[in-house]
Amino acid sequence: MTGGIEIRGPRLLLRALQASEIDEEWQAMVDADPMVIATLPDEEAFRARLRRSGRLADGELDLAVDLDGALIGRIQTFVPPGRPLPPGTFEVGIGLREHAQGQGHGREALALLAGWLFEYAAAQVIEGATDPANAAMRAVFHRAGWAQAGSQTEFGREWAVYRITRKDWLTSRSTGRTPC
């Protein structure tokens, strides 16, 4: 796949997935720790979604997390099944390969995507959820400037919900405390 949204950061490039990377992303979903995904999606629907990577449509966007030309994970916006989001609200998820975790890549990718959503997609609120026991993801949200906003039950599980608002994002930018 060529074209689409590209977001460059100090170390990372968020870009459209290449067709040759879709199999790797499916396998990453199959092999994912059950703590980090709600449920394994339908394979064909997942692959079809990734073929549209790099384009924001109906609240959904999938981007590769690229470090020096290597795919190290994926970051996305999505609309949870059965829970439509208010206008200007985006739900995000991120998954990094194990070898890329613990190096600040998740925080950078989250900050890059949030900045793009606020600047170019009229985002007012961006939310993300994680298993309450996922200390690493909770730390990523915190270090990226997101606040814990409570919890929710979906897919028969309890999730810790984090969020950042446009106001908080603008404040962090104006004070020089960029969340990255």
C-alpha atoms as a PDB file:
ATOM      1  CA  MET A   1       0.000   0.000   0.000  1.00  0.00           C
ATOM      2  CA  THR A   2       1.303   3.447  -0.839  1.00  0.00           C
ATOM      3  CA  GLY A   3       0.157   6.893   0.122  1.00  0.00           C
ATOM      4  CA  GLY A   4      -2.039   7.744   3.036  1.00  0.00           C
ATOM      5  CA  ILE A   5      -1.314   9.431   6.332  1.00  0.00           C
ATOM      6  CA  GLU A   6       2.288   9.659   7.495  1.00  0.00           C
ATOM      7  CA  ILE A   7       3.265  11.099  10.858  1.00  0.00           C
ATOM      8  CA  ARG A   8       6.969  11.596  11.551  1.00  0.00           C
ATOM      9  CA  GLY A   9       8.446  11.857  15.008  1.00  0.00           C
ATOM     10  CA  PRO A  10      11.937  12.042  16.485  1.00  0.00           C
ATOM     11  CA  ARG A  11      12.470   8.285  16.088  1.00  0.00           C
ATOM     12  CA  LEU A  12       9.305   6.817  14.608  1.00  0.00           C
ATOM     13  CA  LEU A  13       7.273   7.016  11.445  1.00  0.00           C
ATOM     14  CA  LEU A  14       3.577   6.182  11.621  1.00  0.00           C
ATOM     15  CA  ARG A  15       2.607   5.097   8.120  1.00  0.00           C
ATOM     16  CA  ALA A  16       0.261   2.900   6.117  1.00  0.00           C
ATOM     17  CA  LEU A  17       0.908  -0.806   6.427  1.00  0.00           C
ATOM     18  CA  GLN A  18       2.370  -2.446   3.352  1.00  0.00           C
ATOM     19  CA  ALA A  19       0.465  -5.387   1.871  1.00  0.00           C
ATOM     20  CA  SER A  20       3.398  -7.642   2.775  1.00  0.00           C
ATOM     21  CA  GLU A  21       3.020  -6.703   6.471  1.00  0.00           C
ATOM     22  CA  ILE A  22      -0.613  -7.763   6.884  1.00  0.00           C
ATOM     23  CA  ASP A  23       0.250 -11.420   7.537  1.00  0.00           C
ATOM     24  CA  GLU A  24       2.709 -10.343  10.241  1.00  0.00           C
ATOM     25  CA  GLU A  25       0.047  -8.164  11.881  1.00  0.00           C
ATOM     26  CA  TRP A  26      -2.484 -11.013  11.862  1.00  0.00           C
ATOM     27  CA  GLN A  27       0.065 -13.325  13.467  1.00  0.00           C
ATOM     28  CA  ALA A  28       0.826 -10.659  16.096  1.00  0.00           C
ATOM     29  CA  MET A  29      -2.896 -10.623  16.955  1.00  0.00           C
ATOM     30  CA  VAL A  30      -3.043 -14.422  17.177  1.00  0.00           C
ATOM     31  CA  ASP A  31       0.051 -14.499  19.422  1.00  0.00           C
ATOM     32  CA  ALA A  32      -0.922 -11.478  21.569  1.00  0.00           C
ATOM     33  CA  ASP A  33      -1.056 -11.792  25.322  1.00  0.00           C
ATOM     34  CA  PRO A  34      -4.764 -12.085  26.243  1.00  0.00           C
ATOM     35  CA  MET A  35      -4.212  -9.196  28.670  1.00  0.00           C
ATOM     36  CA  VAL A  36      -3.625  -6.745  25.802  1.00  0.00           C
ATOM     37  CA  ILE A  37      -6.453  -7.568  23.382  1.00  0.00           C
ATOM     38  CA  ALA A  38     -10.145  -7.792  24.128  1.00  0.00           C
ATOM     39  CA  THR A  39     -10.884 -10.599  21.707  1.00  0.00           C
ATOM     40  CA  LEU A  40      -9.387 -11.990  18.530  1.00  0.00           C
ATOM     41  CA  PRO A  41     -11.142 -10.282  15.604  1.00  0.00           C
ATOM     42  CA  ASP A  42     -12.572 -11.998  12.572  1.00  0.00           C
ATOM     43  CA  GLU A  43      -9.543 -12.687  10.375  1.00  0.00           C
ATOM     44  CA  GLU A  44     -11.014 -11.577   7.052  1.00  0.00           C
ATOM     45  CA  ALA A  45     -12.479  -8.374   8.511  1.00  0.00           C
ATOM     46  CA  PHE A  46      -9.131  -7.625  10.186  1.00  0.00           C
ATOM     47  CA  ARG A  47      -7.201  -8.154   6.950  1.00  0.00           C
ATOM     48  CA  ALA A  48      -9.698  -6.019   4.994  1.00  0.00           C
ATOM     49  CA  ARG A  49      -9.341  -3.245   7.539  1.00  0.00           C
ATOM     50  CA  LEU A  50      -5.535  -3.328   7.297  1.00  0.00           C
ATOM     51  CA  ARG A  51      -5.739  -3.118   3.502  1.00  0.00           C
ATOM     52  CA  ARG A  52      -7.341   0.327   4.092  1.00  0.00           C
ATOM     53  CA  SER A  53      -4.451   1.311   6.365  1.00  0.00           C
ATOM     54  CA  GLY A  54      -3.264   4.903   6.240  1.00  0.00           C
ATOM     55  CA  ARG A  55      -6.708   6.425   5.729  1.00  0.00           C
ATOM     56  CA  LEU A  56      -9.073   7.753   8.374  1.00  0.00           C
ATOM     57  CA  ALA A  57     -12.621   6.600   7.624  1.00  0.00           C
ATOM     58  CA  ASP A  58     -15.612   6.521   9.989  1.00  0.00           C
ATOM     59  CA  GLY A  59     -13.386   6.929  13.042  1.00  0.00           C
ATOM     60  CA  GLU A  60     -11.035   4.109  12.057  1.00  0.00           C
ATOM     61  CA  LEU A  61      -7.353   4.461  11.179  1.00  0.00           C
ATOM     62  CA  ASP A  62      -4.587   1.858  11.236  1.00  0.00           C
ATOM     63  CA  LEU A  63      -0.923   2.814  11.015  1.00  0.00           C
ATOM     64  CA  ALA A  64       2.317   0.867  11.157  1.00  0.00           C
ATOM     65  CA  VAL A  65       4.777   1.911  13.842  1.00  0.00           C
ATOM     66  CA  ASP A  66       8.043   2.035  11.900  1.00  0.00           C
ATOM     67  CA  LEU A  67      11.520   2.378  13.446  1.00  0.00           C
ATOM     68  CA  ASP A  68      14.316   2.879  10.928  1.00  0.00           C
ATOM     69  CA  GLY A  69      12.355   1.087   8.200  1.00  0.00           C
ATOM     70  CA  ALA A  70      11.305  -1.862  10.382  1.00  0.00           C
ATOM     71  CA  LEU A  71       7.739  -2.588  11.456  1.00  0.00           C
ATOM     72  CA  ILE A  72       7.693  -2.726  15.270  1.00  0.00           C
ATOM     73  CA  GLY A  73       3.925  -2.594  15.811  1.00  0.00           C
ATOM     74  CA  ARG A  74       0.629  -0.967  14.959  1.00  0.00           C
ATOM     75  CA  ILE A  75      -1.426   1.910  16.332  1.00  0.00           C
ATOM     76  CA  GLN A  76      -5.084   2.467  15.535  1.00  0.00           C
ATOM     77  CA  THR A  77      -8.246   4.384  16.131  1.00  0.00           C
ATOM     78  CA  PHE A  78     -11.465   2.395  16.180  1.00  0.00           C
ATOM     79  CA  VAL A  79     -15.124   2.526  17.069  1.00  0.00           C
ATOM     80  CA  PRO A  80     -15.938  -0.102  19.705  1.00  0.00           C
ATOM     81  CA  PRO A  81     -18.696  -2.514  18.623  1.00  0.00           C
ATOM     82  CA  GLY A  82     -22.039  -1.479  20.054  1.00  0.00           C
ATOM     83  CA  ARG A  83     -20.661   1.751  21.536  1.00  0.00           C
ATOM     84  CA  PRO A  84     -20.756   4.615  19.046  1.00  0.00           C
ATOM     85  CA  LEU A  85     -18.457   7.478  19.983  1.00  0.00           C
ATOM     86  CA  PRO A  86     -19.586  11.108  20.215  1.00  0.00           C
ATOM     87  CA  PRO A  87     -18.390  13.422  17.422  1.00  0.00           C
ATOM     88  CA  GLY A  88     -14.780  14.475  18.002  1.00  0.00           C
ATOM     89  CA  THR A  89     -14.015  11.438  20.202  1.00  0.00           C
ATOM     90  CA  PHE A  90     -11.489   8.822  19.141  1.00  0.00           C
ATOM     91  CA  GLU A  91     -10.627   5.502  20.780  1.00  0.00           C
ATOM     92  CA  VAL A  92      -7.033   4.318  20.308  1.00  0.00           C
ATOM     93  CA  GLY A  93      -5.154   1.078  20.664  1.00  0.00           C
ATOM     94  CA  ILE A  94      -1.509   0.199  20.223  1.00  0.00           C
ATOM     95  CA  GLY A  95       0.509  -2.981  20.050  1.00  0.00           C
ATOM     96  CA  LEU A  96       4.293  -3.166  19.878  1.00  0.00           C
ATOM     97  CA  ARG A  97       6.457  -6.207  19.296  1.00  0.00           C
ATOM     98  CA  GLU A  98       8.023  -7.478  22.492  1.00  0.00           C
ATOM     99  CA  HIS A  99      11.570  -6.496  21.424  1.00  0.00           C
ATOM    100  CA  ALA A 100      10.418  -2.870  20.926  1.00  0.00           C
ATOM    101  CA  GLN A 101       8.719  -2.444  24.301  1.00  0.00           C
ATOM    102  CA  GLY A 102      10.174  -0.501  27.214  1.00  0.00           C
ATOM    103  CA  GLN A 103      12.096   1.961  25.021  1.00  0.00           C
ATOM    104  CA  GLY A 104       9.632   4.859  24.818  1.00  0.00           C
ATOM    105  CA  HIS A 105       8.294   3.864  21.394  1.00  0.00           C
ATOM    106  CA  GLY A 106       4.744   3.394  22.689  1.00  0.00           C
ATOM    107  CA  ARG A 107       4.749   6.822  24.297  1.00  0.00           C
ATOM    108  CA  GLU A 108       6.125   8.460  21.154  1.00  0.00           C
ATOM    109  CA  ALA A 109       3.628   6.698  18.861  1.00  0.00           C
ATOM    110  CA  LEU A 110       0.717   7.601  21.143  1.00  0.00           C
ATOM    111  CA  ALA A 111       1.797  11.254  21.323  1.00  0.00           C
ATOM    112  CA  LEU A 112       2.299  11.441  17.546  1.00  0.00           C
ATOM    113  CA  LEU A 113      -1.116   9.997  16.771  1.00  0.00           C
ATOM    114  CA  ALA A 114      -2.857  12.138  19.394  1.00  0.00           C
ATOM    115  CA  GLY A 115      -1.200  15.282  18.035  1.00  0.00           C
ATOM    116  CA  TRP A 116      -2.274  14.412  14.505  1.00  0.00           C
ATOM    117  CA  LEU A 117      -5.849  13.687  15.603  1.00  0.00           C
ATOM    118  CA  PHE A 118      -6.080  17.026  17.444  1.00  0.00           C
ATOM    119  CA  GLU A 119      -4.494  18.995  14.595  1.00  0.00           C
ATOM    120  CA  TYR A 120      -6.024  17.347  11.532  1.00  0.00           C
ATOM    121  CA  ALA A 121      -9.063  15.274  12.539  1.00  0.00           C
ATOM    122  CA  ALA A 122     -10.907  17.735  14.812  1.00  0.00           C
ATOM    123  CA  ALA A 123     -10.447  15.507  17.862  1.00  0.00           C
ATOM    124  CA  GLN A 124     -11.836  16.872  21.118  1.00  0.00           C
ATOM    125  CA  VAL A 125     -11.190  13.792  23.260  1.00  0.00           C
ATOM    126  CA  ILE A 126      -8.976  10.778  22.706  1.00  0.00           C
ATOM    127  CA  GLU A 127      -9.452   7.711  24.880  1.00  0.00           C
ATOM    128  CA  GLY A 128      -7.730   4.397  25.298  1.00  0.00           C
ATOM    129  CA  ALA A 129      -8.311   1.433  27.562  1.00  0.00           C
ATOM    130  CA  THR A 130      -6.072  -1.243  28.998  1.00  0.00           C
ATOM    131  CA  ASP A 131      -6.296  -4.141  31.374  1.00  0.00           C
ATOM    132  CA  PRO A 132      -5.845  -2.753  34.908  1.00  0.00           C
ATOM    133  CA  ALA A 133      -2.968  -5.225  35.405  1.00  0.00           C
ATOM    134  CA  ASN A 134      -1.096  -3.922  32.334  1.00  0.00           C
ATOM    135  CA  ALA A 135       1.346  -1.690  34.222  1.00  0.00           C
ATOM    136  CA  ALA A 136       3.431  -1.016  31.115  1.00  0.00           C
ATOM    137  CA  MET A 137       0.509   0.410  29.111  1.00  0.00           C
ATOM    138  CA  ARG A 138      -0.753   2.371  32.091  1.00  0.00           C
ATOM    139  CA  ALA A 139       2.727   3.932  32.347  1.00  0.00           C
ATOM    140  CA  VAL A 140       2.678   4.781  28.623  1.00  0.00           C
ATOM    141  CA  PHE A 141      -0.636   6.624  29.019  1.00  0.00           C
ATOM    142  CA  HIS A 142       0.620   8.472  32.093  1.00  0.00           C
ATOM    143  CA  ARG A 143       3.953   9.470  30.514  1.00  0.00           C
ATOM    144  CA  ALA A 144       2.144  10.659  27.380  1.00  0.00           C
ATOM    145  CA  GLY A 145       0.114  13.090  29.508  1.00  0.00           C
ATOM    146  CA  TRP A 146      -3.159  11.171  29.609  1.00  0.00           C
ATOM    147  CA  ALA A 147      -5.302  11.030  32.757  1.00  0.00           C
ATOM    148  CA  GLN A 148      -7.116   8.018  34.113  1.00  0.00           C
ATOM    149  CA  ALA A 149     -10.810   8.584  33.471  1.00  0.00           C
ATOM    150  CA  GLY A 150     -12.319   5.619  35.278  1.00  0.00           C
ATOM    151  CA  SER A 151     -13.126   2.134  34.123  1.00  0.00           C
ATOM    152  CA  GLN A 152     -15.556   0.352  31.838  1.00  0.00           C
ATOM    153  CA  THR A 153     -16.722  -3.170  31.258  1.00  0.00           C
ATOM    154  CA  GLU A 154     -16.572  -4.445  27.675  1.00  0.00           C
ATOM    155  CA  PHE A 155     -16.117  -7.909  26.217  1.00  0.00           C
ATOM    156  CA  GLY A 156     -16.881  -9.302  29.664  1.00  0.00           C
ATOM    157  CA  ARG A 157     -13.803  -7.652  31.177  1.00  0.00           C
ATOM    158  CA  GLU A 158     -12.970  -4.602  33.230  1.00  0.00           C
ATOM    159  CA  TRP A 159     -10.734  -2.003  31.539  1.00  0.00           C
ATOM    160  CA  ALA A 160      -8.904   1.040  32.922  1.00  0.00           C
ATOM    161  CA  VAL A 161      -9.785   4.015  30.719  1.00  0.00           C
ATOM    162  CA  TYR A 162      -7.389   6.872  29.989  1.00  0.00           C
ATOM    163  CA  ARG A 163      -8.034  10.072  28.073  1.00  0.00           C
ATOM    164  CA  ILE A 164      -6.600  13.339  26.921  1.00  0.00           C
ATOM    165  CA  THR A 165      -8.721  16.315  25.897  1.00  0.00           C
ATOM    166  CA  ARG A 166      -7.976  18.979  23.324  1.00  0.00           C
ATOM    167  CA  LYS A 167      -7.710  21.516  26.169  1.00  0.00           C
ATOM    168  CA  ASP A 168      -5.150  19.400  28.044  1.00  0.00           C
ATOM    169  CA  TRP A 169      -3.190  18.793  24.860  1.00  0.00           C
ATOM    170  CA  LEU A 170      -3.143  22.508  23.980  1.00  0.00           C
ATOM    171  CA  THR A 171      -2.095  23.390  27.535  1.00  0.00           C
ATOM    172  CA  SER A 172       0.786  20.909  27.431  1.00  0.00           C
ATOM    173  CA  ARG A 173       1.945  22.396  24.119  1.00  0.00           C
ATOM    174  CA  SER A 174       1.732  26.014  25.310  1.00  0.00           C
ATOM    175  CA  THR A 175       3.696  25.310  28.484  1.00  0.00           C
ATOM    176  CA  GLY A 176       6.375  23.356  26.642  1.00  0.00           C
ATOM    177  CA  ARG A 177       5.472  20.136  28.470  1.00  0.00           C
ATOM    178  CA  THR A 178       4.848  18.167  25.340  1.00  0.00           C
ATOM    179  CA  PRO A 179       3.571  14.676  26.077  1.00  0.00           C
ATOM    180  CA  CYS A 180       6.330  12.684  24.405  1.00  0.00           C
END
